[in-house]
Amino acid sequence: MEQGERFTITVRGKPEADLVPHRSESSQGVAAAIASLQASARIRGVSDADVASFVGEGRL
């Protein structure tokens, strides 16, 4: 699995689960998510710091 391999776990030949390499979130992805949230009518006008705080608290 070190080289990004994928594995499928089967039960009696039927696929039940996939093991895939973890992909860490990039800072660009996080910034895009914050921008998307800020664009929504629900939280328009909220600062980046407040959104980050909400996410950290599990509020979003």
PDB file of N, CA and C in Angstrom:
ATOM      1  N   MET A   1       0.819  -1.187   0.000  1.00  0.00           N
ATOM      2  CA  MET A   1       0.000   0.000   0.000  1.00  0.00           C
ATOM      3  C   MET A   1       0.870   1.262   0.000  1.00  0.00           C
ATOM      4  N   GLU A   2       2.140   1.127   0.168  1.00  0.00           N
ATOM      5  CA  GLU A   2       3.043   2.268   0.225  1.00  0.00           C
ATOM      6  C   GLU A   2       3.070   3.063  -1.069  1.00  0.00           C
ATOM      7  N   GLN A   3       2.799   2.425  -2.186  1.00  0.00           N
ATOM      8  CA  GLN A   3       2.911   3.080  -3.480  1.00  0.00           C
ATOM      9  C   GLN A   3       1.554   3.484  -4.039  1.00  0.00           C
ATOM     10  N   GLY A   4       0.557   3.624  -3.203  1.00  0.00           N
ATOM     11  CA  GLY A   4      -0.743   4.074  -3.652  1.00  0.00           C
ATOM     12  C   GLY A   4      -1.617   2.975  -4.201  1.00  0.00           C
ATOM     13  N   GLU A   5      -1.396   1.748  -3.795  1.00  0.00           N
ATOM     14  CA  GLU A   5      -2.206   0.643  -4.281  1.00  0.00           C
ATOM     15  C   GLU A   5      -3.593   0.668  -3.647  1.00  0.00           C
ATOM     16  N   ARG A   6      -4.567   0.135  -4.389  1.00  0.00           N
ATOM     17  CA  ARG A   6      -5.935  -0.012  -3.888  1.00  0.00           C
ATOM     18  C   ARG A   6      -6.209  -1.495  -3.695  1.00  0.00           C
ATOM     19  N   PHE A   7      -6.963  -1.831  -2.657  1.00  0.00           N
ATOM     20  CA  PHE A   7      -7.330  -3.211  -2.399  1.00  0.00           C
ATOM     21  C   PHE A   7      -8.841  -3.289  -2.194  1.00  0.00           C
ATOM     22  N   THR A   8      -9.437  -4.383  -2.651  1.00  0.00           N
ATOM     23  CA  THR A   8     -10.858  -4.627  -2.436  1.00  0.00           C
ATOM     24  C   THR A   8     -11.001  -5.832  -1.528  1.00  0.00           C
ATOM     25  N   ILE A   9     -11.765  -5.673  -0.460  1.00  0.00           N
ATOM     26  CA  ILE A   9     -12.037  -6.766   0.470  1.00  0.00           C
ATOM     27  C   ILE A   9     -13.329  -7.425   0.012  1.00  0.00           C
ATOM     28  N   THR A  10     -13.280  -8.736  -0.134  1.00  0.00           N
ATOM     29  CA  THR A  10     -14.460  -9.464  -0.592  1.00  0.00           C
ATOM     30  C   THR A  10     -14.909 -10.489   0.446  1.00  0.00           C
ATOM     31  N   VAL A  11     -16.172 -10.813   0.410  1.00  0.00           N
ATOM     32  CA  VAL A  11     -16.738 -11.879   1.223  1.00  0.00           C
ATOM     33  C   VAL A  11     -17.429 -12.822   0.247  1.00  0.00           C
ATOM     34  N   ARG A  12     -16.875 -14.017   0.149  1.00  0.00           N
ATOM     35  CA  ARG A  12     -17.384 -15.007  -0.795  1.00  0.00           C
ATOM     36  C   ARG A  12     -17.456 -14.468  -2.221  1.00  0.00           C
ATOM     37  N   GLY A  13     -16.433 -13.709  -2.572  1.00  0.00           N
ATOM     38  CA  GLY A  13     -16.327 -13.192  -3.929  1.00  0.00           C
ATOM     39  C   GLY A  13     -17.088 -11.904  -4.191  1.00  0.00           C
ATOM     40  N   LYS A  14     -17.851 -11.425  -3.223  1.00  0.00           N
ATOM     41  CA  LYS A  14     -18.620 -10.194  -3.392  1.00  0.00           C
ATOM     42  C   LYS A  14     -17.854  -9.029  -2.752  1.00  0.00           C
ATOM     43  N   PRO A  15     -17.573  -7.966  -3.494  1.00  0.00           N
ATOM     44  CA  PRO A  15     -16.860  -6.816  -2.922  1.00  0.00           C
ATOM     45  C   PRO A  15     -17.632  -6.212  -1.757  1.00  0.00           C
ATOM     46  N   GLU A  16     -16.942  -6.004  -0.645  1.00  0.00           N
ATOM     47  CA  GLU A  16     -17.560  -5.431   0.554  1.00  0.00           C
ATOM     48  C   GLU A  16     -16.954  -4.093   0.957  1.00  0.00           C
ATOM     49  N   ALA A  17     -15.671  -3.903   0.683  1.00  0.00           N
ATOM     50  CA  ALA A  17     -15.007  -2.661   1.085  1.00  0.00           C
ATOM     51  C   ALA A  17     -13.779  -2.433   0.215  1.00  0.00           C
ATOM     52  N   ASP A  18     -13.422  -1.158   0.064  1.00  0.00           N
ATOM     53  CA  ASP A  18     -12.215  -0.794  -0.668  1.00  0.00           C
ATOM     54  C   ASP A  18     -11.246  -0.100   0.272  1.00  0.00           C
ATOM     55  N   LEU A  19     -10.002  -0.482   0.204  1.00  0.00           N
ATOM     56  CA  LEU A  19      -8.932   0.207   0.926  1.00  0.00           C
ATOM     57  C   LEU A  19      -8.200   1.057  -0.097  1.00  0.00           C
ATOM     58  N   VAL A  20      -8.179   2.349   0.143  1.00  0.00           N
ATOM     59  CA  VAL A  20      -7.534   3.265  -0.797  1.00  0.00           C
ATOM     60  C   VAL A  20      -6.534   4.134  -0.046  1.00  0.00           C
ATOM     61  N   PRO A  21      -5.509   4.595  -0.732  1.00  0.00           N
ATOM     62  CA  PRO A  21      -4.526   5.456  -0.074  1.00  0.00           C
ATOM     63  C   PRO A  21      -5.177   6.751   0.413  1.00  0.00           C
ATOM     64  N   HIS A  22      -4.745   7.215   1.550  1.00  0.00           N
ATOM     65  CA  HIS A  22      -5.249   8.468   2.112  1.00  0.00           C
ATOM     66  C   HIS A  22      -4.701   9.636   1.309  1.00  0.00           C
ATOM     67  N   ARG A  23      -5.555  10.597   1.022  1.00  0.00           N
ATOM     68  CA  ARG A  23      -5.111  11.828   0.370  1.00  0.00           C
ATOM     69  C   ARG A  23      -5.324  12.970   1.348  1.00  0.00           C
ATOM     70  N   SER A  24      -4.245  13.620   1.730  1.00  0.00           N
ATOM     71  CA  SER A  24      -4.381  14.736   2.664  1.00  0.00           C
ATOM     72  C   SER A  24      -4.935  15.941   1.919  1.00  0.00           C
ATOM     73  N   GLU A  25      -5.683  16.740   2.651  1.00  0.00           N
ATOM     74  CA  GLU A  25      -6.284  17.925   2.059  1.00  0.00           C
ATOM     75  C   GLU A  25      -5.216  18.991   1.858  1.00  0.00           C
ATOM     76  N   SER A  26      -5.250  19.604   0.707  1.00  0.00           N
ATOM     77  CA  SER A  26      -4.294  20.678   0.457  1.00  0.00           C
ATOM     78  C   SER A  26      -4.840  21.984   1.013  1.00  0.00           C
ATOM     79  N   SER A  27      -3.964  22.924   1.232  1.00  0.00           N
ATOM     80  CA  SER A  27      -4.413  24.221   1.739  1.00  0.00           C
ATOM     81  C   SER A  27      -5.289  24.913   0.708  1.00  0.00           C
ATOM     82  N   GLN A  28      -5.081  24.629  -0.585  1.00  0.00           N
ATOM     83  CA  GLN A  28      -5.934  25.202  -1.625  1.00  0.00           C
ATOM     84  C   GLN A  28      -7.350  24.657  -1.504  1.00  0.00           C
ATOM     85  N   GLY A  29      -7.472  23.369  -1.208  1.00  0.00           N
ATOM     86  CA  GLY A  29      -8.792  22.769  -1.046  1.00  0.00           C
ATOM     87  C   GLY A  29      -9.540  23.371   0.126  1.00  0.00           C
ATOM     88  N   VAL A  30      -8.834  23.610   1.207  1.00  0.00           N
ATOM     89  CA  VAL A  30      -9.447  24.214   2.394  1.00  0.00           C
ATOM     90  C   VAL A  30      -9.861  25.645   2.078  1.00  0.00           C
ATOM     91  N   ALA A  31      -9.000  26.390   1.408  1.00  0.00           N
ATOM     92  CA  ALA A  31      -9.323  27.773   1.044  1.00  0.00           C
ATOM     93  C   ALA A  31     -10.532  27.821   0.119  1.00  0.00           C
ATOM     94  N   ALA A  32     -10.612  26.892  -0.818  1.00  0.00           N
ATOM     95  CA  ALA A  32     -11.752  26.837  -1.734  1.00  0.00           C
ATOM     96  C   ALA A  32     -13.035  26.509  -0.978  1.00  0.00           C
ATOM     97  N   ALA A  33     -12.948  25.615   0.003  1.00  0.00           N
ATOM     98  CA  ALA A  33     -14.121  25.260   0.797  1.00  0.00           C
ATOM     99  C   ALA A  33     -14.601  26.457   1.609  1.00  0.00           C
ATOM    100  N   ILE A  34     -13.676  27.203   2.190  1.00  0.00           N
ATOM    101  CA  ILE A  34     -14.043  28.394   2.965  1.00  0.00           C
ATOM    102  C   ILE A  34     -14.684  29.433   2.056  1.00  0.00           C
ATOM    103  N   ALA A  35     -14.110  29.643   0.872  1.00  0.00           N
ATOM    104  CA  ALA A  35     -14.674  30.607  -0.076  1.00  0.00           C
ATOM    105  C   ALA A  35     -16.075  30.189  -0.494  1.00  0.00           C
ATOM    106  N   SER A  36     -16.276  28.917  -0.706  1.00  0.00           N
ATOM    107  CA  SER A  36     -17.591  28.408  -1.091  1.00  0.00           C
ATOM    108  C   SER A  36     -18.602  28.629   0.025  1.00  0.00           C
ATOM    109  N   LEU A  37     -18.199  28.364   1.259  1.00  0.00           N
ATOM    110  CA  LEU A  37     -19.096  28.582   2.393  1.00  0.00           C
ATOM    111  C   LEU A  37     -19.445  30.057   2.554  1.00  0.00           C
ATOM    112  N   GLN A  38     -18.456  30.920   2.351  1.00  0.00           N
ATOM    113  CA  GLN A  38     -18.702  32.348   2.503  1.00  0.00           C
ATOM    114  C   GLN A  38     -19.637  32.862   1.412  1.00  0.00           C
ATOM    115  N   ALA A  39     -19.632  32.239   0.259  1.00  0.00           N
ATOM    116  CA  ALA A  39     -20.482  32.670  -0.840  1.00  0.00           C
ATOM    117  C   ALA A  39     -21.939  32.293  -0.614  1.00  0.00           C
ATOM    118  N   SER A  40     -22.180  31.338   0.259  1.00  0.00           N
ATOM    119  CA  SER A  40     -23.554  30.933   0.507  1.00  0.00           C
ATOM    120  C   SER A  40     -24.271  32.009   1.319  1.00  0.00           C
ATOM    121  N   ALA A  41     -25.563  32.124   1.079  1.00  0.00           N
ATOM    122  CA  ALA A  41     -26.358  33.154   1.760  1.00  0.00           C
ATOM    123  C   ALA A  41     -26.374  32.958   3.272  1.00  0.00           C
ATOM    124  N   ARG A  42     -26.185  31.734   3.706  1.00  0.00           N
ATOM    125  CA  ARG A  42     -26.283  31.420   5.127  1.00  0.00           C
ATOM    126  C   ARG A  42     -25.216  32.115   5.971  1.00  0.00           C
ATOM    127  N   ILE A  43     -24.004  32.266   5.429  1.00  0.00           N
ATOM    128  CA  ILE A  43     -22.938  32.862   6.238  1.00  0.00           C
ATOM    129  C   ILE A  43     -22.220  33.999   5.508  1.00  0.00           C
ATOM    130  N   ARG A  44     -22.885  34.644   4.605  1.00  0.00           N
ATOM    131  CA  ARG A  44     -22.270  35.751   3.859  1.00  0.00           C
ATOM    132  C   ARG A  44     -21.823  36.831   4.836  1.00  0.00           C
ATOM    133  N   GLY A  45     -20.638  37.364   4.593  1.00  0.00           N
ATOM    134  CA  GLY A  45     -20.118  38.438   5.414  1.00  0.00           C
ATOM    135  C   GLY A  45     -19.356  37.975   6.644  1.00  0.00           C
ATOM    136  N   VAL A  46     -19.195  36.683   6.824  1.00  0.00           N
ATOM    137  CA  VAL A  46     -18.441  36.153   7.963  1.00  0.00           C
ATOM    138  C   VAL A  46     -16.971  36.092   7.574  1.00  0.00           C
ATOM    139  N   SER A  47     -16.108  36.479   8.474  1.00  0.00           N
ATOM    140  CA  SER A  47     -14.675  36.510   8.169  1.00  0.00           C
ATOM    141  C   SER A  47     -14.090  35.102   8.029  1.00  0.00           C
ATOM    142  N   ASP A  48     -12.955  35.003   7.342  1.00  0.00           N
ATOM    143  CA  ASP A  48     -12.250  33.728   7.196  1.00  0.00           C
ATOM    144  C   ASP A  48     -11.934  33.123   8.566  1.00  0.00           C
ATOM    145  N   ALA A  49     -11.512  33.966   9.498  1.00  0.00           N
ATOM    146  CA  ALA A  49     -11.149  33.479  10.834  1.00  0.00           C
ATOM    147  C   ALA A  49     -12.361  32.888  11.546  1.00  0.00           C
ATOM    148  N   ASP A  50     -13.527  33.540  11.389  1.00  0.00           N
ATOM    149  CA  ASP A  50     -14.736  33.017  12.020  1.00  0.00           C
ATOM    150  C   ASP A  50     -15.138  31.676  11.398  1.00  0.00           C
ATOM    151  N   VAL A  51     -15.063  31.579  10.077  1.00  0.00           N
ATOM    152  CA  VAL A  51     -15.409  30.317   9.407  1.00  0.00           C
ATOM    153  C   VAL A  51     -14.462  29.214   9.868  1.00  0.00           C
ATOM    154  N   ALA A  52     -13.154  29.518   9.925  1.00  0.00           N
ATOM    155  CA  ALA A  52     -12.184  28.529  10.380  1.00  0.00           C
ATOM    156  C   ALA A  52     -12.481  28.102  11.816  1.00  0.00           C
ATOM    157  N   SER A  53     -12.897  29.053  12.637  1.00  0.00           N
ATOM    158  CA  SER A  53     -13.253  28.746  14.024  1.00  0.00           C
ATOM    159  C   SER A  53     -14.478  27.841  14.080  1.00  0.00           C
ATOM    160  N   PHE A  54     -15.484  28.144  13.255  1.00  0.00           N
ATOM    161  CA  PHE A  54     -16.689  27.316  13.205  1.00  0.00           C
ATOM    162  C   PHE A  54     -16.346  25.892  12.809  1.00  0.00           C
ATOM    163  N   VAL A  55     -15.494  25.755  11.776  1.00  0.00           N
ATOM    164  CA  VAL A  55     -15.092  24.425  11.308  1.00  0.00           C
ATOM    165  C   VAL A  55     -14.347  23.704  12.418  1.00  0.00           C
ATOM    166  N   GLY A  56     -13.438  24.402  13.090  1.00  0.00           N
ATOM    167  CA  GLY A  56     -12.673  23.803  14.190  1.00  0.00           C
ATOM    168  C   GLY A  56     -13.553  23.327  15.336  1.00  0.00           C
ATOM    169  N   GLU A  57     -14.660  24.028  15.544  1.00  0.00           N
ATOM    170  CA  GLU A  57     -15.587  23.658  16.608  1.00  0.00           C
ATOM    171  C   GLU A  57     -16.597  22.621  16.154  1.00  0.00           C
ATOM    172  N   GLY A  58     -16.567  22.266  14.871  1.00  0.00           N
ATOM    173  CA  GLY A  58     -17.513  21.298  14.339  1.00  0.00           C
ATOM    174  C   GLY A  58     -18.885  21.883  14.075  1.00  0.00           C
ATOM    175  N   ARG A  59     -18.964  23.197  13.979  1.00  0.00           N
ATOM    176  CA  ARG A  59     -20.246  23.867  13.759  1.00  0.00           C
ATOM    177  C   ARG A  59     -20.632  23.915  12.293  1.00  0.00           C
ATOM    178  N   LEU A  60     -19.701  23.653  11.394  1.00  0.00           N
ATOM    179  CA  LEU A  60     -20.005  23.630   9.953  1.00  0.00           C
ATOM    180  C   LEU A  60     -19.611  22.304   9.386  1.00  0.00           C
TER     181      LEU A  60
END
